Structures are given as C-alpha cells and as structure tokens.
Amino acid sequence: MTYVGSAEDDSCDQILDTVLVGPVVQGSYKFVFQANPPDVSKIPQEDILGVTVLLVTCSYNNQEFIRVGYYVNNEYADEELKEDPPAQPRVDRIVRNILAEKPRVTRFPCDFDSQAIPGMASVGSEDAIMGDENVPNPAMGVDFAKETTGFFQGDAAQQQQPPAGQMQGLW
C-alpha cells in the first residue's frame, strides 16, 4: 500500500505496508488492508491538503499484475479553516476522505508460471492474459474491481470502522 505524497515528486511516495498472500486459488476475494497513516513530515507542505492517491499494488514473482488506486481528498472539516486556511497546515484538524466506492483498476500482463501449471496456456496467448474460464489461472480469477474494499484505517489498534469513504483524525 503506497500513499502518493506529491504528484510532482515520486520520492515523496510512502510505502505504508506490505503483505504476502498465498497461495491463492481462482475465485473472488475481499480483504481489509489496514496501515498506519503516512508520515506528514515527508509530505511537501503544499501537498498536505488537496487530492492525492492511495495505491494498492499486487505482484507475483516481482511482476506487478494489478494496481488499484483510490482518490484521497485531504481537507479541513471546519468551514472556517476551509475558507481561511492557516499558513502552516493544522494536521490535527484535517479529515481524509477516500473515494472507496470507485477504485481505478489497472491490470498488467504477467507470467503466472505457465509452464509450472499443467494445462495453462502460454502467457503470450490472449486467453491467458484475459483470464478465459477454460484456462486455469489462479491470480487472474480475482476481480479486484468488484471485490476490493476501500477501508483504510489510520490506527490499526482502533476497531471501529468509520462511515464509508471517510477517515477522520488519521494524522
């Protein structure tokens, strides 16, 4: 899980957490991926407020095969602060809203060890890349566009789930 700290400088991106999952068989999956919030001191001051992206990337044998992006809007909940923002951002007053219902999903071709799985079509074939039902392909059977949950919580110790799409007090 990566938080994009600045659209202009990828050195501000922060990897919030990494997990290993598997083995996974063909099917649909839901998961909750919780991580600590980004380190605000590593985000340029002019990028603390506004729209950014949270990325969940999935790889197999160091080959990325899917990327799920969520738009994130960091703003003040207080109308007075929205109208007249302080020169120094008040991090304790910022609310992070994640557009969890509309993830942006990008799929990449990936070699899922086609020779190691009996009956698997070669990776160069359209069936293997598109996930044809007749071709056993464990990873391509996961429909992240439909099944990915967008709940990202700032404090893993907290057990309450906030309203859908809204994360408060994550800084």
Protein backbone atom coordinates (compact mmCIF):
# COMPACT_ATOMS: atom_id res chain seq x y z
CA MET A 1 0.00 0.00 0.00
CA THR A 2 1.54 3.29 -1.14
CA TYR A 3 0.50 6.83 -0.27
CA VAL A 4 1.39 9.32 -3.01
CA GLY A 5 2.79 12.34 -1.15
CA SER A 6 3.29 14.59 -4.19
CA ALA A 7 2.17 14.38 -7.81
CA GLU A 8 5.38 16.09 -8.91
CA ASP A 9 7.92 14.10 -6.90
CA ASP A 10 7.71 10.31 -6.51
CA SER A 11 10.42 10.42 -3.83
CA CYS A 12 7.61 11.66 -1.53
CA ASP A 13 5.67 8.40 -2.01
CA GLN A 14 5.46 6.36 1.18
CA ILE A 15 5.02 2.60 1.38
CA LEU A 16 2.59 2.26 4.26
CA ASP A 17 2.64 -1.53 4.46
CA THR A 18 3.48 -4.69 2.52
CA VAL A 19 1.90 -8.11 2.95
CA LEU A 20 2.43 -11.53 1.40
CA VAL A 21 -0.67 -13.54 0.49
CA GLY A 22 -0.95 -17.02 -0.84
CA PRO A 23 -1.15 -19.47 -2.23
CA VAL A 24 -4.37 -18.19 -3.82
CA VAL A 25 -6.72 -20.26 -5.95
CA GLN A 26 -9.08 -18.89 -8.58
CA GLY A 27 -12.05 -17.05 -7.12
CA SER A 28 -13.19 -13.72 -5.73
CA TYR A 29 -11.73 -12.29 -2.55
CA LYS A 30 -12.41 -9.43 -0.18
CA PHE A 31 -9.84 -8.13 2.21
CA VAL A 32 -9.28 -5.36 4.72
CA PHE A 33 -5.84 -3.83 4.47
CA GLN A 34 -5.01 -1.61 7.43
CA ALA A 35 -1.90 0.52 7.74
CA ASN A 36 -0.58 3.40 9.74
CA PRO A 37 -1.06 6.84 8.17
CA PRO A 38 1.70 8.48 6.12
CA ASP A 39 4.42 10.45 7.88
CA VAL A 40 3.24 14.02 7.34
CA SER A 41 6.79 15.37 7.78
CA LYS A 42 7.73 13.61 4.49
CA ILE A 43 4.92 15.28 2.52
CA PRO A 44 5.63 18.70 0.98
CA GLN A 45 3.65 21.32 2.90
CA GLU A 46 1.83 22.45 -0.27
CA ASP A 47 0.64 18.84 -0.87
CA ILE A 48 -0.74 18.10 2.61
CA LEU A 49 -4.18 19.44 1.66
CA GLY A 50 -5.98 18.52 -1.55
CA VAL A 51 -6.33 15.44 -3.72
CA THR A 52 -3.82 12.60 -3.86
CA VAL A 53 -3.86 8.83 -4.41
CA LEU A 54 -3.56 5.68 -2.32
CA LEU A 55 -2.29 2.70 -4.35
CA VAL A 56 -2.59 -1.00 -3.66
CA THR A 57 -0.28 -2.93 -5.98
CA CYS A 58 -0.24 -6.69 -6.40
CA SER A 59 2.75 -8.60 -7.71
CA TYR A 60 3.62 -12.19 -8.48
CA ASN A 61 7.31 -13.15 -8.60
CA ASN A 62 8.23 -9.44 -8.56
CA GLN A 63 5.95 -8.77 -11.57
CA GLU A 64 3.13 -6.29 -10.95
CA PHE A 65 -0.13 -7.65 -12.35
CA ILE A 66 -2.71 -5.27 -10.89
CA ARG A 67 -2.81 -1.77 -9.39
CA VAL A 68 -5.84 -0.42 -7.55
CA GLY A 69 -5.87 3.34 -6.96
CA TYR A 70 -8.13 5.30 -4.66
CA TYR A 71 -8.52 9.06 -4.87
CA VAL A 72 -7.98 10.71 -1.49
CA ASN A 73 -9.05 14.22 -0.54
CA ASN A 74 -7.39 15.79 2.50
CA GLU A 75 -9.33 18.80 3.74
CA TYR A 76 -10.43 20.64 6.84
CA ALA A 77 -13.78 19.60 8.29
CA ASP A 78 -14.21 23.05 9.86
CA GLU A 79 -15.75 25.62 7.46
CA GLU A 80 -13.69 28.46 8.98
CA LEU A 81 -10.43 26.63 8.24
CA LYS A 82 -11.64 25.79 4.72
CA GLU A 83 -12.41 29.45 3.99
CA ASP A 84 -9.27 30.85 5.62
CA PRO A 85 -6.63 28.08 5.82
CA PRO A 86 -3.66 28.78 8.09
CA ALA A 87 -0.21 29.25 6.53
CA GLN A 88 1.02 26.19 8.46
CA PRO A 89 -1.44 23.28 7.92
CA ARG A 90 -3.23 22.18 11.10
CA VAL A 91 -2.71 18.46 10.68
CA ASP A 92 -4.82 17.63 13.73
CA ARG A 93 -7.86 19.23 12.02
CA ILE A 94 -7.54 17.55 8.62
CA VAL A 95 -10.02 14.89 7.51
CA ARG A 96 -9.04 12.31 4.88
CA ASN A 97 -11.86 11.22 2.57
CA ILE A 98 -11.14 8.15 0.46
CA LEU A 99 -13.32 7.55 -2.58
CA ALA A 100 -13.54 3.85 -1.79
CA GLU A 101 -16.56 3.10 -3.96
CA LYS A 102 -14.81 3.94 -7.24
CA PRO A 103 -11.32 2.43 -7.37
CA ARG A 104 -9.25 2.84 -10.53
CA VAL A 105 -8.04 -0.63 -11.54
CA THR A 106 -5.14 -1.21 -13.94
CA ARG A 107 -4.21 -4.73 -15.00
CA PHE A 108 -0.83 -5.72 -16.42
CA PRO A 109 0.16 -8.88 -18.31
CA CYS A 110 2.01 -11.25 -16.03
CA ASP A 111 3.71 -14.61 -16.45
CA PHE A 112 2.00 -16.76 -13.81
CA ASP A 113 4.49 -19.63 -14.23
CA SER A 114 2.58 -21.02 -17.20
CA GLN A 115 4.93 -23.97 -17.61
CA ALA A 116 4.63 -24.86 -13.93
CA ILE A 117 0.82 -25.16 -14.03
CA PRO A 118 -0.40 -28.11 -16.13
CA GLY A 119 -2.95 -27.12 -18.77
CA MET A 120 -2.15 -23.41 -18.53
CA ALA A 121 -1.99 -21.56 -21.84
CA SER A 122 1.18 -19.71 -22.69
CA VAL A 123 1.39 -16.16 -21.41
CA GLY A 124 1.54 -14.80 -24.92
CA SER A 125 -1.90 -16.14 -25.70
CA GLU A 126 -4.92 -13.86 -25.39
CA ASP A 127 -6.72 -16.44 -23.21
CA ALA A 128 -4.01 -16.39 -20.55
CA ILE A 129 -3.91 -12.60 -20.36
CA MET A 130 -7.69 -12.13 -20.39
CA GLY A 131 -8.38 -14.89 -17.86
CA ASP A 132 -10.56 -17.18 -20.02
CA GLU A 133 -12.70 -19.52 -17.89
CA ASN A 134 -11.23 -22.57 -19.67
CA VAL A 135 -7.69 -21.63 -18.75
CA PRO A 136 -6.76 -22.30 -15.11
CA ASN A 137 -5.19 -19.07 -13.92
CA PRO A 138 -5.29 -18.64 -10.13
CA ALA A 139 -4.46 -14.95 -9.88
CA MET A 140 -6.47 -13.63 -12.83
CA GLY A 141 -9.68 -15.05 -11.31
CA VAL A 142 -9.63 -12.33 -8.65
CA ASP A 143 -11.92 -9.47 -9.67
CA PHE A 144 -10.41 -6.57 -7.76
CA ALA A 145 -12.72 -4.05 -9.43
CA LYS A 146 -15.74 -5.66 -7.74
CA GLU A 147 -14.30 -7.12 -4.57
CA THR A 148 -11.66 -4.70 -3.28
CA THR A 149 -12.70 -2.99 -0.08
CA GLY A 150 -11.71 0.58 0.38
CA PHE A 151 -11.37 0.68 4.15
CA PHE A 152 -8.04 2.08 5.21
CA GLN A 153 -7.71 2.94 8.85
CA GLY A 154 -5.02 5.14 10.32
CA ASP A 155 -4.66 3.40 13.66
CA ALA A 156 -4.55 -0.39 13.49
CA ALA A 157 -5.38 -0.53 17.20
CA GLN A 158 -8.78 1.08 16.56
CA GLN A 159 -11.55 -1.43 15.99
CA GLN A 160 -14.39 0.88 14.91
CA GLN A 161 -14.98 1.33 11.22
CA PRO A 162 -15.78 4.95 10.21
CA PRO A 163 -18.57 5.81 7.75
CA ALA A 164 -17.88 4.53 4.23
CA GLY A 165 -15.33 6.64 2.41
CA GLN A 166 -14.50 8.92 5.33
CA MET A 167 -11.43 8.65 7.54
CA GLN A 168 -11.08 11.19 10.32
CA GLY A 169 -8.15 12.01 12.55
CA LEU A 170 -5.66 9.90 10.65
CA TRP A 171 -2.77 12.29 11.03
